[in-house]
Amino acid sequence: MVIYAPKNSEAAYGLSEKLGIELVSIKPDDDMLYLKSDDTGLSLNQGGLELRGDFSKLLPRLKKNNLDREFLIKASKTKNKNPVAIDATAGMGEDSLLLASAGYRVIMYEYDAVIAELLKDAMRRAREIDELSEIVGRMELINADSIQGMKMLDFTPDLILLDPMFPERQKSALVKKKFQLLQKLEMPCTNQDELLSAAISLKPHKILIKRPLKGEYLAGKKPSYSIRGKAVRYDCIVIS
């Protein structure tokens, strides 16, 4: 992987140094996976596909009537006035944005450094949009292994969201093309028992596990109940 910057900016140079990825000014071949840094932000590219975080596209879903119909929001209802959520598998942060829109302060963990930078760039641009700036202000990104991160937390969150990537999801026809790029960086979850154990050990009120509609239970643990949509379901484990 390289970072392609048509204009060799200071930001692109800094990103190259941070990630330890070569910076080039000539467009890579189409078959190469590369980051592009330009005036519009940061994107992941290969074979004509481009992945760029853009929270502005979610604005229609954030309107109250639409937000209340989101299965994630239905599953995450709480009576607490200032709830805190842990998104242990943040990815591009769209679920975290929904939770933050519903009033949660969200701490996001993303293990992959490249994905974390894509998410950070999306958050930076969202802060410049009036309708999103306050929402994104409730989101905190940590580039780290969430299993180890959760073990080090010294407080009890209200909610923990788990959306691990599994091999069966990679084969699904429902996976959008742009997220095929993301899956080149994010390995399928192989430590599901440890991930769930770390979440349970924090004793949150509720753990939400986002799964394919017909996917197996995470770590084989039957949830307290499930909320089902057309393509995904949320398995809810109520701790207290």
Protein backbone atom coordinates (compact mmCIF):
# COMPACT_ATOMS: atom_id res chain seq x y z
CA MET A 1 0.00 0.00 0.00
CA VAL A 2 1.07 3.58 -0.69
CA ILE A 3 -0.37 7.03 -0.04
CA TYR A 4 -1.08 8.89 -3.26
CA ALA A 5 -1.09 12.67 -2.86
CA PRO A 6 -1.47 14.65 -6.12
CA LYS A 7 -0.29 17.67 -4.12
CA ASN A 8 2.47 16.71 -1.74
CA SER A 9 0.86 18.39 1.28
CA GLU A 10 2.15 18.59 4.83
CA ALA A 11 -0.86 16.54 6.00
CA ALA A 12 -0.07 13.74 3.52
CA TYR A 13 3.58 13.73 4.58
CA GLY A 14 2.60 13.55 8.24
CA LEU A 15 0.22 10.65 7.53
CA SER A 16 2.97 8.82 5.64
CA GLU A 17 5.31 9.20 8.61
CA LYS A 18 2.64 8.13 11.10
CA LEU A 19 1.55 5.00 9.22
CA GLY A 20 4.98 4.12 7.83
CA ILE A 21 3.54 4.03 4.30
CA GLU A 22 5.37 5.40 1.26
CA LEU A 23 4.11 8.72 -0.13
CA VAL A 24 3.88 9.01 -3.94
CA SER A 25 2.73 11.76 -6.31
CA ILE A 26 2.04 9.50 -9.30
CA LYS A 27 -1.30 7.66 -9.37
CA PRO A 28 -0.80 3.93 -8.57
CA ASP A 29 -1.96 1.15 -10.90
CA ASP A 30 -5.65 0.28 -10.60
CA ASP A 31 -4.94 -3.15 -9.16
CA MET A 32 -3.08 -1.65 -6.21
CA LEU A 33 -4.74 -0.87 -2.89
CA TYR A 34 -3.83 2.68 -1.91
CA LEU A 35 -4.81 5.69 0.17
CA LYS A 36 -5.51 8.96 -1.63
CA SER A 37 -5.03 12.24 0.22
CA ASP A 38 -6.29 15.40 -1.47
CA ASP A 39 -8.33 18.53 -0.80
CA THR A 40 -11.51 16.47 -0.38
CA GLY A 41 -10.05 14.28 2.35
CA LEU A 42 -8.75 10.73 2.66
CA SER A 43 -10.01 7.72 0.72
CA LEU A 44 -9.16 4.06 0.19
CA ASN A 45 -8.98 3.02 -3.45
CA GLN A 46 -8.51 -0.01 -5.69
CA GLY A 47 -9.76 -1.05 -9.12
CA GLY A 48 -12.02 1.97 -9.57
CA LEU A 49 -13.64 1.52 -6.14
CA GLU A 50 -13.33 4.31 -3.58
CA LEU A 51 -14.18 4.27 0.12
CA ARG A 52 -14.43 7.64 1.83
CA GLY A 53 -16.17 8.28 5.13
CA ASP A 54 -19.00 10.77 4.64
CA PHE A 55 -21.33 11.27 7.59
CA SER A 56 -23.31 13.90 5.68
CA LYS A 57 -24.92 11.08 3.71
CA LEU A 58 -26.47 9.84 6.96
CA LEU A 59 -28.23 13.10 7.74
CA PRO A 60 -31.67 11.84 6.59
CA ARG A 61 -31.35 8.89 8.99
CA LEU A 62 -30.55 11.24 11.86
CA LYS A 63 -33.86 13.08 11.72
CA LYS A 64 -35.79 12.15 14.85
CA ASN A 65 -38.64 10.24 13.18
CA ASN A 66 -36.18 8.24 11.10
CA LEU A 67 -33.69 7.77 13.92
CA ASP A 68 -36.35 6.33 16.21
CA ARG A 69 -37.07 3.65 13.59
CA GLU A 70 -33.45 2.48 13.44
CA PHE A 71 -33.16 -1.02 14.89
CA LEU A 72 -29.92 -0.07 16.64
CA ILE A 73 -31.64 2.82 18.40
CA LYS A 74 -34.62 0.66 19.36
CA ALA A 75 -32.23 -1.88 20.85
CA SER A 76 -30.16 0.72 22.69
CA LYS A 77 -32.95 2.52 24.54
CA THR A 78 -31.94 3.64 28.01
CA LYS A 79 -33.40 5.71 30.83
CA ASN A 80 -30.04 7.25 31.71
CA LYS A 81 -29.76 10.94 30.88
CA ASN A 82 -26.06 10.91 29.91
CA PRO A 83 -25.42 7.37 28.65
CA VAL A 84 -22.01 6.13 27.56
CA ALA A 85 -21.51 3.49 24.87
CA ILE A 86 -18.45 1.54 23.80
CA ASP A 87 -18.28 0.67 20.11
CA ALA A 88 -15.67 -2.07 20.27
CA THR A 89 -15.53 -2.60 16.49
CA ALA A 90 -15.96 0.89 15.08
CA GLY A 91 -15.09 0.40 11.41
CA MET A 92 -16.23 3.54 9.59
CA GLY A 93 -18.22 4.76 12.60
CA GLU A 94 -21.74 4.85 11.15
CA ASP A 95 -23.31 2.94 14.04
CA SER A 96 -21.46 5.17 16.50
CA LEU A 97 -22.89 8.22 14.75
CA LEU A 98 -26.41 6.85 15.20
CA LEU A 99 -25.77 6.24 18.90
CA ALA A 100 -24.28 9.71 19.34
CA SER A 101 -27.31 11.18 17.58
CA ALA A 102 -29.51 9.43 20.15
CA GLY A 103 -27.61 11.13 22.98
CA TYR A 104 -24.87 8.63 23.79
CA ARG A 105 -21.27 9.60 24.38
CA VAL A 106 -19.50 6.99 22.30
CA ILE A 107 -15.98 5.68 22.77
CA MET A 108 -14.92 3.92 19.57
CA TYR A 109 -12.16 1.34 19.25
CA GLU A 110 -10.66 0.59 15.84
CA TYR A 111 -7.66 -1.73 15.68
CA ASP A 112 -6.56 -1.12 12.08
CA ALA A 113 -4.53 2.11 11.78
CA VAL A 114 -5.60 2.82 8.18
CA ILE A 115 -9.31 2.41 8.95
CA ALA A 116 -8.84 4.59 12.03
CA GLU A 117 -7.37 7.35 9.85
CA LEU A 118 -10.28 7.10 7.41
CA LEU A 119 -12.70 7.43 10.31
CA LYS A 120 -10.75 10.31 11.83
CA ASP A 121 -10.86 12.14 8.50
CA ALA A 122 -14.64 11.59 8.23
CA MET A 123 -15.07 13.03 11.74
CA ARG A 124 -12.89 16.04 10.91
CA ARG A 125 -15.03 16.91 7.88
CA ALA A 126 -18.26 16.28 9.80
CA ARG A 127 -17.26 18.82 12.45
CA GLU A 128 -17.46 21.47 9.73
CA ILE A 129 -21.16 20.69 9.14
CA ASP A 130 -23.55 22.47 11.51
CA GLU A 131 -25.99 19.55 11.78
CA LEU A 132 -23.18 17.12 12.64
CA SER A 133 -20.65 19.06 14.69
CA GLU A 134 -22.38 18.58 18.06
CA ILE A 135 -23.07 14.90 17.37
CA VAL A 136 -19.49 14.13 16.35
CA GLY A 137 -18.36 16.02 19.45
CA ARG A 138 -19.79 13.13 21.49
CA MET A 139 -17.60 10.61 19.63
CA GLU A 140 -14.09 9.67 20.72
CA LEU A 141 -11.84 7.44 18.59
CA ILE A 142 -9.13 5.19 20.01
CA ASN A 143 -6.84 3.33 17.59
CA ALA A 144 -6.29 0.20 19.67
CA ASP A 145 -7.34 -3.39 20.30
CA SER A 146 -10.73 -3.12 22.01
CA ILE A 147 -10.23 -6.34 23.95
CA GLN A 148 -7.22 -4.90 25.73
CA GLY A 149 -8.83 -1.46 25.85
CA MET A 150 -11.96 -2.72 27.59
CA LYS A 151 -9.85 -4.57 30.14
CA MET A 152 -8.24 -1.26 31.11
CA LEU A 153 -11.43 0.80 31.49
CA ASP A 154 -12.13 2.05 35.01
CA PHE A 155 -15.85 2.76 34.58
CA THR A 156 -19.00 0.87 33.63
CA PRO A 157 -20.53 1.85 30.29
CA ASP A 158 -24.27 1.70 29.74
CA LEU A 159 -23.91 -0.10 26.42
CA ILE A 160 -21.32 -2.07 24.47
CA LEU A 161 -21.78 -2.56 20.74
CA LEU A 162 -20.04 -5.45 18.98
CA ASP A 163 -20.08 -5.77 15.21
CA PRO A 164 -17.29 -8.24 14.44
CA MET A 165 -16.53 -9.19 10.87
CA PHE A 166 -17.01 -12.87 10.14
CA PRO A 167 -16.22 -14.94 7.04
CA GLU A 168 -19.90 -15.57 6.25
CA ARG A 169 -20.46 -11.83 5.95
CA GLN A 170 -17.65 -11.56 3.41
CA LYS A 171 -19.49 -13.98 1.13
CA SER A 172 -22.83 -12.22 1.47
CA ALA A 173 -24.32 -10.61 -1.62
CA LEU A 174 -25.60 -7.84 0.65
CA VAL A 175 -22.09 -6.50 1.32
CA LYS A 176 -21.75 -3.21 -0.54
CA LYS A 177 -18.92 -3.01 -3.07
CA LYS A 178 -17.17 -0.16 -1.31
CA PHE A 179 -16.88 -2.20 1.88
CA GLN A 180 -15.01 -4.89 -0.04
CA LEU A 181 -12.07 -2.49 0.25
CA LEU A 182 -12.51 -2.26 4.00
CA GLN A 183 -12.48 -6.04 4.25
CA LYS A 184 -9.04 -6.12 2.65
CA LEU A 185 -7.74 -4.44 5.80
CA GLU A 186 -10.01 -5.83 8.55
CA MET A 187 -9.48 -9.52 9.24
CA PRO A 188 -12.45 -11.72 10.20
CA CYS A 189 -12.89 -12.10 13.94
CA THR A 190 -11.11 -15.18 15.27
CA ASN A 191 -11.22 -14.36 19.00
CA GLN A 192 -14.95 -14.01 19.51
CA ASP A 193 -14.88 -15.68 22.94
CA GLU A 194 -12.29 -13.21 24.23
CA LEU A 195 -14.12 -10.25 22.68
CA LEU A 196 -17.42 -11.16 24.32
CA SER A 197 -15.75 -12.00 27.64
CA ALA A 198 -14.05 -8.60 27.72
CA ALA A 199 -17.40 -6.90 27.12
CA ILE A 200 -19.21 -8.96 29.77
CA SER A 201 -16.45 -8.30 32.33
CA LEU A 202 -17.31 -4.57 32.27
CA LYS A 203 -20.85 -5.41 33.41
CA PRO A 204 -22.66 -2.88 31.21
CA HIS A 205 -26.43 -2.73 31.34
CA LYS A 206 -26.61 -4.19 27.85
CA ILE A 207 -24.39 -5.67 25.14
CA LEU A 208 -25.63 -5.38 21.56
CA ILE A 209 -24.22 -7.73 18.94
CA LYS A 210 -24.87 -6.90 15.30
CA ARG A 211 -25.16 -10.09 13.28
CA PRO A 212 -26.20 -11.25 9.83
CA LEU A 213 -29.87 -12.21 9.94
CA LYS A 214 -29.10 -15.94 9.87
CA GLY A 215 -25.67 -15.74 11.50
CA GLU A 216 -24.70 -17.85 14.51
CA TYR A 217 -24.67 -16.36 18.01
CA LEU A 218 -21.39 -14.68 18.94
CA ALA A 219 -19.23 -17.19 20.83
CA GLY A 220 -22.29 -19.45 20.87
CA LYS A 221 -23.92 -17.41 23.65
CA LYS A 222 -27.70 -17.14 23.41
CA PRO A 223 -28.86 -13.54 23.91
CA SER A 224 -31.59 -12.33 26.24
CA TYR A 225 -33.57 -11.37 23.14
CA SER A 226 -33.05 -10.30 19.53
CA ILE A 227 -34.37 -7.50 17.34
CA ARG A 228 -34.58 -8.48 13.68
CA GLY A 229 -34.48 -6.36 10.54
CA LYS A 230 -34.57 -7.43 6.90
CA ALA A 231 -30.84 -8.07 6.61
CA VAL A 232 -29.36 -7.89 10.13
CA ARG A 233 -30.37 -8.57 13.69
CA TYR A 234 -29.26 -7.24 17.04
CA ASP A 235 -28.68 -9.87 19.73
CA CYS A 236 -29.17 -8.21 23.12
CA ILE A 237 -27.48 -9.51 26.25
CA VAL A 238 -28.88 -7.81 29.34
CA ILE A 239 -26.40 -7.87 32.21
CA SER A 240 -28.27 -5.86 34.86
